């Protein structure tokens, strides 16, 4: 659990007291390959920090899985829209290999934020980072070609290229597997 504290402190400095408070609300969760961290239609107010392994976020659309995101070591993952909006998630997040998460309740963390300006600041920064990540993804579908999205993925997330299946990468890019094969062949 020291790893999560190191990552949190790399985002914003925390006092020893703040770190101790955070440590008190943490638990460890192990997922087997194929096990869900969150499931569409099932409430989950927990935030996960990946110690090791990898997760894939996806939606069901007309019986097909549409990949929305990949989470790797040192990433935070949660279905924030459903947590913040107090609604059921539309997406599922599945372990693509055996995965260990350090988890905490979003609501417990918010209670800690009420007692510490540093934790409140940290929380705001994490939400901003998460917003920007998904905003950039949305803009990429408006402003970039599939090739440009693929080229960006190669640069910004080589782990995705190394670990994810061609089918999941293609789905994430909004293209078919054959189109992805052609893009890879052009390199």
N, C-alpha and C. Protein backbone atom coordinates (compact mmCIF):
# COMPACT_ATOMS: atom_id res chain seq x y z
N UNK A 1 0.81 -1.21 0.00
CA UNK A 1 0.00 0.00 0.00
C UNK A 1 0.85 1.27 0.00
N UNK A 2 2.14 1.09 0.15
CA UNK A 2 3.03 2.26 0.10
C UNK A 2 3.06 2.86 -1.29
N UNK A 3 2.85 2.03 -2.30
CA UNK A 3 2.92 2.50 -3.69
C UNK A 3 1.86 3.56 -3.96
N UNK A 4 0.64 3.36 -3.47
CA UNK A 4 -0.42 4.34 -3.71
C UNK A 4 -0.08 5.66 -3.03
N UNK A 5 0.50 5.60 -1.85
CA UNK A 5 0.88 6.83 -1.15
C UNK A 5 1.95 7.57 -1.96
N UNK A 6 2.91 6.84 -2.51
CA UNK A 6 3.95 7.47 -3.33
C UNK A 6 3.34 8.15 -4.55
N UNK A 7 2.39 7.47 -5.20
CA UNK A 7 1.76 8.06 -6.38
C UNK A 7 0.93 9.28 -5.99
N UNK A 8 0.18 9.17 -4.89
CA UNK A 8 -0.62 10.32 -4.44
C UNK A 8 0.29 11.51 -4.13
N UNK A 9 1.43 11.25 -3.48
CA UNK A 9 2.35 12.35 -3.15
C UNK A 9 3.05 12.91 -4.38
N UNK A 10 3.12 12.13 -5.45
CA UNK A 10 3.69 12.67 -6.69
C UNK A 10 2.71 13.63 -7.36
N UNK A 11 1.44 13.51 -7.01
CA UNK A 11 0.42 14.41 -7.56
C UNK A 11 0.33 15.69 -6.73
N UNK A 12 0.34 15.52 -5.40
CA UNK A 12 0.29 16.67 -4.49
C UNK A 12 0.92 16.26 -3.16
N UNK A 13 1.71 17.15 -2.54
CA UNK A 13 2.34 16.81 -1.27
C UNK A 13 1.30 16.57 -0.17
N UNK A 14 1.56 15.55 0.66
CA UNK A 14 0.67 15.21 1.77
C UNK A 14 1.47 15.14 3.05
N UNK A 15 0.83 15.52 4.15
CA UNK A 15 1.48 15.40 5.45
C UNK A 15 1.46 13.93 5.88
N UNK A 16 2.26 13.63 6.88
CA UNK A 16 2.26 12.26 7.42
C UNK A 16 0.88 11.92 7.97
N UNK A 17 0.22 12.87 8.59
CA UNK A 17 -1.14 12.64 9.13
C UNK A 17 -2.11 12.32 7.99
N UNK A 18 -2.04 13.07 6.89
CA UNK A 18 -2.90 12.80 5.73
C UNK A 18 -2.65 11.39 5.20
N UNK A 19 -1.39 11.01 5.10
CA UNK A 19 -1.05 9.67 4.61
C UNK A 19 -1.61 8.60 5.54
N UNK A 20 -1.49 8.81 6.83
CA UNK A 20 -2.02 7.85 7.80
C UNK A 20 -3.54 7.73 7.67
N UNK A 21 -4.22 8.85 7.48
CA UNK A 21 -5.68 8.83 7.31
C UNK A 21 -6.07 8.05 6.06
N UNK A 22 -5.35 8.27 4.97
CA UNK A 22 -5.63 7.55 3.73
C UNK A 22 -5.40 6.05 3.93
N UNK A 23 -4.29 5.71 4.57
CA UNK A 23 -3.98 4.29 4.79
C UNK A 23 -5.09 3.58 5.57
N UNK A 24 -5.76 4.30 6.45
CA UNK A 24 -6.82 3.69 7.26
C UNK A 24 -8.03 3.26 6.43
N UNK A 25 -8.25 3.87 5.29
CA UNK A 25 -9.45 3.52 4.50
C UNK A 25 -9.14 2.57 3.34
N UNK A 26 -7.89 2.14 3.22
CA UNK A 26 -7.48 1.29 2.10
C UNK A 26 -7.69 -0.19 2.38
N UNK A 27 -8.06 -0.92 1.35
CA UNK A 27 -8.12 -2.38 1.40
C UNK A 27 -7.48 -2.91 0.12
N UNK A 28 -7.15 -4.19 0.13
CA UNK A 28 -6.56 -4.83 -1.04
C UNK A 28 -7.58 -5.78 -1.64
N UNK A 29 -7.70 -5.74 -2.96
CA UNK A 29 -8.61 -6.61 -3.69
C UNK A 29 -7.82 -7.33 -4.78
N UNK A 30 -8.05 -8.63 -4.88
CA UNK A 30 -7.41 -9.43 -5.93
C UNK A 30 -8.50 -9.87 -6.91
N UNK A 31 -8.23 -9.68 -8.19
CA UNK A 31 -9.14 -10.12 -9.25
C UNK A 31 -8.44 -11.17 -10.10
N UNK A 32 -9.16 -12.21 -10.41
CA UNK A 32 -8.66 -13.22 -11.34
C UNK A 32 -8.94 -12.74 -12.76
N UNK A 33 -8.16 -13.21 -13.71
CA UNK A 33 -8.39 -12.87 -15.12
C UNK A 33 -9.85 -13.19 -15.46
N UNK A 34 -10.54 -12.22 -16.06
CA UNK A 34 -11.94 -12.38 -16.45
C UNK A 34 -12.94 -11.94 -15.40
N UNK A 35 -12.47 -11.62 -14.21
CA UNK A 35 -13.35 -11.17 -13.14
C UNK A 35 -13.59 -9.67 -13.29
N UNK A 36 -14.81 -9.23 -12.97
CA UNK A 36 -15.15 -7.81 -13.09
C UNK A 36 -14.79 -7.04 -11.82
N UNK A 37 -14.29 -5.83 -12.04
CA UNK A 37 -14.10 -4.86 -10.95
C UNK A 37 -15.39 -4.09 -10.77
N UNK A 38 -15.97 -3.61 -11.86
CA UNK A 38 -17.31 -3.03 -11.84
C UNK A 38 -18.11 -3.69 -12.95
N UNK A 39 -19.43 -3.73 -12.75
CA UNK A 39 -20.30 -4.31 -13.76
C UNK A 39 -21.43 -3.35 -14.09
N UNK A 40 -21.77 -3.33 -15.36
CA UNK A 40 -22.89 -2.50 -15.82
C UNK A 40 -24.12 -2.84 -14.99
N UNK A 41 -24.77 -1.80 -14.47
CA UNK A 41 -26.01 -1.99 -13.73
C UNK A 41 -25.85 -2.38 -12.27
N UNK A 42 -24.59 -2.52 -11.78
CA UNK A 42 -24.35 -2.88 -10.39
C UNK A 42 -23.55 -1.77 -9.70
N UNK A 43 -24.10 -1.23 -8.65
CA UNK A 43 -23.47 -0.10 -7.95
C UNK A 43 -22.11 -0.50 -7.38
N UNK A 44 -21.16 0.42 -7.51
CA UNK A 44 -19.82 0.24 -6.95
C UNK A 44 -19.27 1.64 -6.68
N UNK A 45 -19.09 1.97 -5.40
CA UNK A 45 -18.62 3.32 -5.06
C UNK A 45 -17.12 3.33 -4.75
N UNK A 46 -16.41 2.29 -5.14
CA UNK A 46 -15.00 2.17 -4.79
C UNK A 46 -14.11 2.66 -5.93
N UNK A 47 -12.98 3.21 -5.52
CA UNK A 47 -11.93 3.62 -6.45
C UNK A 47 -10.81 2.60 -6.29
N UNK A 48 -10.24 2.17 -7.40
CA UNK A 48 -9.16 1.21 -7.36
C UNK A 48 -7.86 1.83 -7.85
N UNK A 49 -6.78 1.41 -7.26
CA UNK A 49 -5.43 1.78 -7.69
C UNK A 49 -4.74 0.49 -8.07
N UNK A 50 -4.28 0.39 -9.31
CA UNK A 50 -3.68 -0.86 -9.79
C UNK A 50 -2.26 -1.02 -9.27
N UNK A 51 -2.09 -2.03 -8.43
CA UNK A 51 -0.76 -2.40 -7.95
C UNK A 51 -0.04 -3.19 -9.03
N UNK A 52 -0.76 -4.11 -9.65
CA UNK A 52 -0.24 -4.87 -10.79
C UNK A 52 -1.41 -5.46 -11.55
N UNK A 53 -1.13 -5.88 -12.79
CA UNK A 53 -2.18 -6.41 -13.65
C UNK A 53 -2.68 -5.35 -14.61
N UNK A 54 -3.82 -5.68 -15.25
CA UNK A 54 -4.44 -4.66 -16.11
C UNK A 54 -5.92 -4.92 -16.28
N UNK A 55 -6.65 -3.80 -16.44
CA UNK A 55 -8.10 -3.81 -16.54
C UNK A 55 -8.52 -3.17 -17.86
N UNK A 56 -9.70 -3.57 -18.33
CA UNK A 56 -10.27 -2.99 -19.54
C UNK A 56 -11.69 -2.53 -19.23
N UNK A 57 -11.99 -1.27 -19.56
CA UNK A 57 -13.34 -0.73 -19.41
C UNK A 57 -14.06 -0.86 -20.74
N UNK A 58 -15.30 -1.36 -20.70
CA UNK A 58 -16.03 -1.54 -21.94
C UNK A 58 -17.53 -1.34 -21.73
N UNK A 59 -18.22 -1.07 -22.83
CA UNK A 59 -19.67 -0.93 -22.87
C UNK A 59 -20.23 -2.06 -23.73
N UNK A 60 -21.46 -2.43 -23.46
CA UNK A 60 -22.18 -3.37 -24.32
C UNK A 60 -23.04 -2.54 -25.28
N UNK A 61 -22.91 -2.81 -26.57
CA UNK A 61 -23.69 -2.09 -27.57
C UNK A 61 -24.20 -3.10 -28.59
N UNK A 62 -25.48 -3.36 -28.58
CA UNK A 62 -26.09 -4.34 -29.50
C UNK A 62 -25.37 -5.68 -29.45
N UNK A 63 -25.05 -6.12 -28.23
CA UNK A 63 -24.40 -7.42 -28.05
C UNK A 63 -22.90 -7.41 -28.27
N UNK A 64 -22.34 -6.28 -28.66
CA UNK A 64 -20.89 -6.17 -28.88
C UNK A 64 -20.25 -5.39 -27.74
N UNK A 65 -19.03 -5.77 -27.39
CA UNK A 65 -18.27 -5.03 -26.40
C UNK A 65 -17.49 -3.92 -27.10
N UNK A 66 -17.63 -2.71 -26.60
CA UNK A 66 -16.90 -1.56 -27.14
C UNK A 66 -15.93 -1.10 -26.05
N UNK A 67 -14.66 -1.25 -26.32
CA UNK A 67 -13.63 -0.90 -25.33
C UNK A 67 -13.51 0.61 -25.22
N UNK A 68 -13.52 1.09 -23.98
CA UNK A 68 -13.44 2.52 -23.72
C UNK A 68 -12.10 2.94 -23.12
N UNK A 69 -11.46 2.03 -22.34
CA UNK A 69 -10.20 2.42 -21.73
C UNK A 69 -9.45 1.20 -21.21
N UNK A 70 -8.14 1.37 -21.06
CA UNK A 70 -7.27 0.35 -20.48
C UNK A 70 -6.59 0.96 -19.26
N UNK A 71 -6.51 0.22 -18.17
CA UNK A 71 -5.86 0.67 -16.95
C UNK A 71 -4.71 -0.27 -16.64
N UNK A 72 -3.55 0.31 -16.32
CA UNK A 72 -2.35 -0.46 -16.03
C UNK A 72 -1.80 -0.06 -14.66
N UNK A 73 -0.67 -0.66 -14.31
CA UNK A 73 -0.03 -0.41 -13.02
C UNK A 73 0.08 1.09 -12.75
N UNK A 74 -0.26 1.48 -11.52
CA UNK A 74 -0.22 2.86 -11.03
C UNK A 74 -1.35 3.74 -11.55
N UNK A 75 -2.33 3.17 -12.24
CA UNK A 75 -3.52 3.92 -12.66
C UNK A 75 -4.60 3.82 -11.58
N UNK A 76 -5.41 4.86 -11.50
CA UNK A 76 -6.62 4.82 -10.70
C UNK A 76 -7.77 4.46 -11.62
N UNK A 77 -8.71 3.69 -11.13
CA UNK A 77 -9.87 3.35 -11.96
C UNK A 77 -11.13 3.32 -11.10
N UNK A 78 -12.20 3.79 -11.69
CA UNK A 78 -13.52 3.80 -11.06
C UNK A 78 -14.51 4.23 -12.12
N UNK A 79 -15.76 4.06 -11.85
CA UNK A 79 -16.78 4.60 -12.74
C UNK A 79 -17.28 5.89 -12.09
N UNK A 80 -16.47 6.96 -12.22
CA UNK A 80 -16.79 8.22 -11.55
C UNK A 80 -18.16 8.80 -11.91
N UNK A 81 -18.60 8.74 -13.18
CA UNK A 81 -19.92 9.30 -13.45
C UNK A 81 -21.03 8.64 -12.62
N UNK A 82 -20.96 7.33 -12.45
CA UNK A 82 -22.01 6.67 -11.65
C UNK A 82 -21.84 6.97 -10.16
N UNK A 83 -20.60 7.10 -9.69
CA UNK A 83 -20.37 7.41 -8.28
C UNK A 83 -20.84 8.83 -7.96
N UNK A 84 -20.37 9.78 -8.75
CA UNK A 84 -20.71 11.19 -8.52
C UNK A 84 -22.21 11.42 -8.74
N UNK A 85 -22.75 10.79 -9.78
CA UNK A 85 -24.17 10.97 -10.11
C UNK A 85 -25.11 10.06 -9.33
N UNK A 86 -24.56 9.23 -8.44
CA UNK A 86 -25.35 8.29 -7.66
C UNK A 86 -26.30 7.48 -8.55
N UNK A 87 -25.71 6.93 -9.60
CA UNK A 87 -26.49 6.13 -10.55
C UNK A 87 -25.77 4.81 -10.80
N UNK A 88 -26.41 3.93 -11.51
CA UNK A 88 -25.80 2.65 -11.85
C UNK A 88 -24.85 2.84 -13.03
N UNK A 89 -23.72 2.15 -13.02
CA UNK A 89 -22.77 2.31 -14.13
C UNK A 89 -23.30 1.74 -15.44
N UNK A 90 -22.92 2.37 -16.53
CA UNK A 90 -23.25 1.88 -17.87
C UNK A 90 -22.15 0.99 -18.41
N UNK A 91 -20.96 1.12 -17.85
CA UNK A 91 -19.80 0.35 -18.33
C UNK A 91 -19.43 -0.73 -17.33
N UNK A 92 -18.62 -1.67 -17.80
CA UNK A 92 -18.03 -2.70 -16.95
C UNK A 92 -16.52 -2.56 -17.03
N UNK A 93 -15.84 -2.95 -15.95
CA UNK A 93 -14.38 -2.95 -15.94
C UNK A 93 -13.94 -4.35 -15.54
N UNK A 94 -13.18 -5.00 -16.43
CA UNK A 94 -12.81 -6.40 -16.25
C UNK A 94 -11.29 -6.56 -16.16
N UNK A 95 -10.87 -7.51 -15.32
CA UNK A 95 -9.44 -7.86 -15.23
C UNK A 95 -9.06 -8.67 -16.46
N UNK A 96 -8.05 -8.20 -17.17
CA UNK A 96 -7.59 -8.89 -18.37
C UNK A 96 -6.44 -9.86 -18.04
N UNK A 97 -5.96 -9.79 -16.81
CA UNK A 97 -5.01 -10.74 -16.25
C UNK A 97 -5.19 -10.65 -14.74
N UNK A 98 -4.60 -11.55 -14.00
CA UNK A 98 -4.69 -11.47 -12.55
C UNK A 98 -4.22 -10.09 -12.12
N UNK A 99 -5.01 -9.44 -11.28
CA UNK A 99 -4.79 -8.03 -10.95
C UNK A 99 -4.94 -7.81 -9.45
N UNK A 100 -4.09 -6.96 -8.90
CA UNK A 100 -4.20 -6.56 -7.50
C UNK A 100 -4.50 -5.07 -7.46
N UNK A 101 -5.53 -4.73 -6.70
CA UNK A 101 -5.95 -3.34 -6.54
C UNK A 101 -5.88 -2.94 -5.08
N UNK A 102 -5.45 -1.73 -4.82
CA UNK A 102 -5.66 -1.10 -3.52
C UNK A 102 -6.92 -0.26 -3.71
N UNK A 103 -7.91 -0.46 -2.86
CA UNK A 103 -9.20 0.20 -3.07
C UNK A 103 -9.61 1.03 -1.86
N UNK A 104 -10.49 1.98 -2.15
CA UNK A 104 -11.08 2.79 -1.08
C UNK A 104 -12.43 3.29 -1.55
N UNK A 105 -13.29 3.57 -0.59
CA UNK A 105 -14.60 4.13 -0.89
C UNK A 105 -14.43 5.60 -1.28
N UNK A 106 -15.02 5.98 -2.39
CA UNK A 106 -14.99 7.37 -2.83
C UNK A 106 -15.59 8.27 -1.75
N UNK A 107 -16.67 7.79 -1.12
CA UNK A 107 -17.35 8.59 -0.10
C UNK A 107 -16.48 8.73 1.16
N UNK A 108 -15.78 7.66 1.54
CA UNK A 108 -14.86 7.75 2.69
C UNK A 108 -13.74 8.75 2.39
N UNK A 109 -13.23 8.72 1.17
CA UNK A 109 -12.18 9.66 0.80
C UNK A 109 -12.71 11.10 0.85
N UNK A 110 -13.93 11.31 0.38
CA UNK A 110 -14.52 12.65 0.44
C UNK A 110 -14.67 13.13 1.88
N UNK A 111 -14.98 12.22 2.80
CA UNK A 111 -15.07 12.59 4.21
C UNK A 111 -13.71 13.05 4.73
N UNK A 112 -12.64 12.35 4.31
CA UNK A 112 -11.29 12.78 4.70
C UNK A 112 -10.97 14.16 4.12
N UNK A 113 -11.45 14.41 2.91
CA UNK A 113 -11.18 15.70 2.26
C UNK A 113 -11.78 16.86 3.05
N UNK A 114 -12.86 16.61 3.78
CA UNK A 114 -13.49 17.66 4.59
C UNK A 114 -12.60 18.07 5.76
N UNK A 115 -11.65 17.21 6.12
CA UNK A 115 -10.79 17.49 7.27
C UNK A 115 -9.40 17.95 6.88
N UNK A 116 -9.09 17.94 5.58
CA UNK A 116 -7.73 18.27 5.15
C UNK A 116 -7.76 19.02 3.82
N UNK A 117 -7.21 20.23 3.85
CA UNK A 117 -7.11 21.01 2.61
C UNK A 117 -6.23 20.29 1.60
N UNK A 118 -5.15 19.65 2.06
CA UNK A 118 -4.24 18.94 1.15
C UNK A 118 -4.94 17.79 0.43
N UNK A 119 -5.75 17.05 1.16
CA UNK A 119 -6.49 15.93 0.53
C UNK A 119 -7.56 16.46 -0.43
N UNK A 120 -8.20 17.55 -0.07
CA UNK A 120 -9.19 18.16 -0.96
C UNK A 120 -8.52 18.61 -2.26
N UNK A 121 -7.36 19.21 -2.13
CA UNK A 121 -6.59 19.64 -3.31
C UNK A 121 -6.19 18.43 -4.16
N UNK A 122 -5.72 17.39 -3.51
CA UNK A 122 -5.35 16.15 -4.21
C UNK A 122 -6.55 15.59 -4.96
N UNK A 123 -7.68 15.53 -4.30
CA UNK A 123 -8.90 15.01 -4.92
C UNK A 123 -9.26 15.81 -6.17
N UNK A 124 -9.17 17.12 -6.08
CA UNK A 124 -9.49 17.97 -7.23
C UNK A 124 -8.52 17.70 -8.39
N UNK A 125 -7.24 17.55 -8.07
CA UNK A 125 -6.25 17.27 -9.12
C UNK A 125 -6.51 15.93 -9.79
N UNK A 126 -6.86 14.91 -9.02
CA UNK A 126 -7.13 13.59 -9.59
C UNK A 126 -8.36 13.66 -10.51
N UNK A 127 -9.40 14.35 -10.07
CA UNK A 127 -10.60 14.49 -10.91
C UNK A 127 -10.26 15.27 -12.18
N UNK A 128 -9.43 16.31 -12.08
CA UNK A 128 -9.02 17.07 -13.26
C UNK A 128 -8.22 16.20 -14.23
N UNK A 129 -7.29 15.41 -13.70
CA UNK A 129 -6.49 14.52 -14.55
C UNK A 129 -7.40 13.52 -15.26
N UNK A 130 -8.36 12.97 -14.53
CA UNK A 130 -9.29 12.00 -15.11
C UNK A 130 -10.15 12.67 -16.18
N UNK A 131 -10.66 13.87 -15.89
CA UNK A 131 -11.45 14.59 -16.87
C UNK A 131 -10.66 14.84 -18.15
N UNK A 132 -9.43 15.32 -18.01
CA UNK A 132 -8.61 15.62 -19.19
C UNK A 132 -8.32 14.38 -20.02
N UNK A 133 -8.10 13.25 -19.36
CA UNK A 133 -7.83 12.00 -20.07
C UNK A 133 -9.02 11.63 -20.97
N UNK A 134 -10.22 11.72 -20.41
CA UNK A 134 -11.39 11.34 -21.19
C UNK A 134 -11.80 12.43 -22.18
N UNK A 135 -11.53 13.69 -21.86
CA UNK A 135 -11.79 14.76 -22.80
C UNK A 135 -10.92 14.60 -24.04
N UNK A 136 -9.62 14.32 -23.84
CA UNK A 136 -8.72 14.13 -24.97
C UNK A 136 -9.18 12.97 -25.85
N UNK A 137 -9.67 11.92 -25.21
CA UNK A 137 -10.17 10.77 -25.97
C UNK A 137 -11.38 11.17 -26.81
N UNK A 138 -12.31 11.91 -26.23
CA UNK A 138 -13.50 12.35 -26.97
C UNK A 138 -13.11 13.25 -28.14
N UNK A 139 -12.24 14.19 -27.90
CA UNK A 139 -11.80 15.11 -28.95
C UNK A 139 -11.10 14.34 -30.07
N UNK A 140 -10.38 13.29 -29.73
CA UNK A 140 -9.65 12.53 -30.76
C UNK A 140 -10.61 11.95 -31.79
N UNK A 141 -11.82 11.60 -31.39
CA UNK A 141 -12.78 11.04 -32.34
C UNK A 141 -13.38 12.11 -33.25
N UNK A 142 -13.29 13.36 -32.84
CA UNK A 142 -13.79 14.45 -33.66
C UNK A 142 -12.70 15.02 -34.55
N UNK A 143 -11.48 15.11 -34.01
CA UNK A 143 -10.41 15.84 -34.68
C UNK A 143 -9.35 14.97 -35.37
N UNK A 144 -9.32 13.67 -35.09
CA UNK A 144 -8.25 12.84 -35.63
C UNK A 144 -8.79 11.71 -36.49
N UNK A 145 -7.96 11.29 -37.41
CA UNK A 145 -8.27 10.10 -38.21
C UNK A 145 -7.94 8.86 -37.37
N UNK A 146 -8.44 7.69 -37.75
CA UNK A 146 -8.05 6.47 -37.04
C UNK A 146 -6.54 6.27 -36.99
N UNK A 147 -5.85 6.60 -38.09
CA UNK A 147 -4.39 6.46 -38.10
C UNK A 147 -3.74 7.37 -37.06
N UNK A 148 -4.22 8.59 -36.97
CA UNK A 148 -3.67 9.52 -35.97
C UNK A 148 -3.95 9.03 -34.55
N UNK A 149 -5.15 8.49 -34.33
CA UNK A 149 -5.47 7.92 -33.00
C UNK A 149 -4.54 6.75 -32.69
N UNK A 150 -4.30 5.89 -33.69
CA UNK A 150 -3.41 4.75 -33.49
C UNK A 150 -1.98 5.23 -33.20
N UNK A 151 -1.50 6.18 -33.99
CA UNK A 151 -0.14 6.70 -33.78
C UNK A 151 0.00 7.30 -32.37
N UNK A 152 -1.01 8.03 -31.91
CA UNK A 152 -0.98 8.58 -30.56
C UNK A 152 -0.95 7.48 -29.51
N UNK A 153 -1.73 6.43 -29.74
CA UNK A 153 -1.77 5.32 -28.79
C UNK A 153 -0.41 4.63 -28.69
N UNK A 154 0.26 4.47 -29.81
CA UNK A 154 1.59 3.86 -29.82
C UNK A 154 2.55 4.67 -28.96
N UNK A 155 2.44 5.99 -29.03
CA UNK A 155 3.35 6.87 -28.29
C UNK A 155 2.93 6.99 -26.82
N UNK A 156 1.65 7.22 -26.57
CA UNK A 156 1.21 7.52 -25.20
C UNK A 156 0.94 6.29 -24.35
N UNK A 157 0.68 5.15 -24.96
CA UNK A 157 0.37 3.95 -24.18
C UNK A 157 0.95 2.69 -24.82
N UNK A 158 2.27 2.56 -24.82
CA UNK A 158 2.87 1.37 -25.42
C UNK A 158 2.43 0.08 -24.72
N UNK A 159 2.06 0.17 -23.44
CA UNK A 159 1.56 -1.03 -22.74
C UNK A 159 0.30 -1.56 -23.41
N UNK A 160 -0.56 -0.66 -23.86
CA UNK A 160 -1.78 -1.10 -24.53
C UNK A 160 -1.42 -1.88 -25.79
N UNK A 161 -0.50 -1.36 -26.56
CA UNK A 161 -0.09 -2.02 -27.80
C UNK A 161 0.53 -3.39 -27.49
N UNK A 162 1.31 -3.48 -26.43
CA UNK A 162 1.98 -4.73 -26.07
C UNK A 162 1.03 -5.77 -25.47
N UNK A 163 0.05 -5.32 -24.68
CA UNK A 163 -0.71 -6.27 -23.87
C UNK A 163 -2.13 -6.55 -24.36
N UNK A 164 -2.77 -5.58 -24.96
CA UNK A 164 -4.17 -5.76 -25.35
C UNK A 164 -4.27 -6.55 -26.65
N UNK A 165 -5.40 -7.22 -26.82
CA UNK A 165 -5.63 -7.96 -28.06
C UNK A 165 -5.90 -6.98 -29.20
N UNK A 166 -5.66 -7.42 -30.41
CA UNK A 166 -5.92 -6.58 -31.58
C UNK A 166 -7.39 -6.18 -31.62
N UNK A 167 -8.26 -7.11 -31.26
CA UNK A 167 -9.71 -6.83 -31.28
C UNK A 167 -10.05 -5.69 -30.30
N UNK A 168 -9.47 -5.72 -29.08
CA UNK A 168 -9.77 -4.69 -28.09
C UNK A 168 -9.17 -3.35 -28.48
N UNK A 169 -7.96 -3.37 -29.06
CA UNK A 169 -7.34 -2.12 -29.52
C UNK A 169 -8.18 -1.50 -30.64
N UNK A 170 -8.60 -2.32 -31.58
CA UNK A 170 -9.42 -1.82 -32.69
C UNK A 170 -10.72 -1.20 -32.15
N UNK A 171 -11.35 -1.90 -31.23
CA UNK A 171 -12.58 -1.39 -30.63
C UNK A 171 -12.33 -0.05 -29.94
N UNK A 172 -11.24 0.06 -29.21
CA UNK A 172 -10.88 1.29 -28.52
C UNK A 172 -10.68 2.44 -29.52
N UNK A 173 -10.09 2.13 -30.67
CA UNK A 173 -9.84 3.16 -31.69
C UNK A 173 -11.06 3.46 -32.55
N UNK A 174 -12.11 2.66 -32.39
CA UNK A 174 -13.33 2.88 -33.17
C UNK A 174 -13.24 2.36 -34.58
N UNK A 175 -12.43 1.32 -34.79
CA UNK A 175 -12.26 0.74 -36.12
C UNK A 175 -12.37 -0.78 -36.04
N UNK A 176 -12.40 -1.43 -37.18
CA UNK A 176 -12.43 -2.88 -37.22
C UNK A 176 -11.03 -3.47 -37.12
N UNK A 177 -10.92 -4.74 -36.74
CA UNK A 177 -9.61 -5.38 -36.63
C UNK A 177 -8.82 -5.37 -37.95
N UNK A 178 -9.51 -5.49 -39.09
CA UNK A 178 -8.82 -5.47 -40.37
C UNK A 178 -8.19 -4.10 -40.64
N UNK A 179 -8.92 -3.04 -40.29
CA UNK A 179 -8.40 -1.69 -40.45
C UNK A 179 -7.16 -1.51 -39.58
N UNK A 180 -7.21 -2.04 -38.34
CA UNK A 180 -6.05 -1.95 -37.46
C UNK A 180 -4.86 -2.70 -38.07
N UNK A 181 -5.11 -3.85 -38.65
CA UNK A 181 -4.02 -4.61 -39.30
C UNK A 181 -3.36 -3.78 -40.40
N UNK A 182 -4.18 -3.07 -41.18
CA UNK A 182 -3.61 -2.22 -42.24
C UNK A 182 -2.79 -1.08 -41.65
N UNK A 183 -3.30 -0.48 -40.57
CA UNK A 183 -2.55 0.63 -39.93
C UNK A 183 -1.21 0.12 -39.39
N UNK A 184 -1.21 -1.06 -38.81
CA UNK A 184 0.03 -1.63 -38.27
C UNK A 184 1.00 -1.95 -39.40
N UNK A 185 0.48 -2.40 -40.51
CA UNK A 185 1.33 -2.77 -41.66
C UNK A 185 2.01 -1.53 -42.26
N UNK A 186 1.37 -0.38 -42.15
CA UNK A 186 1.92 0.86 -42.68
C UNK A 186 3.14 1.34 -41.90
N UNK A 187 3.31 0.90 -40.69
CA UNK A 187 4.42 1.37 -39.82
C UNK A 187 5.76 0.86 -40.30
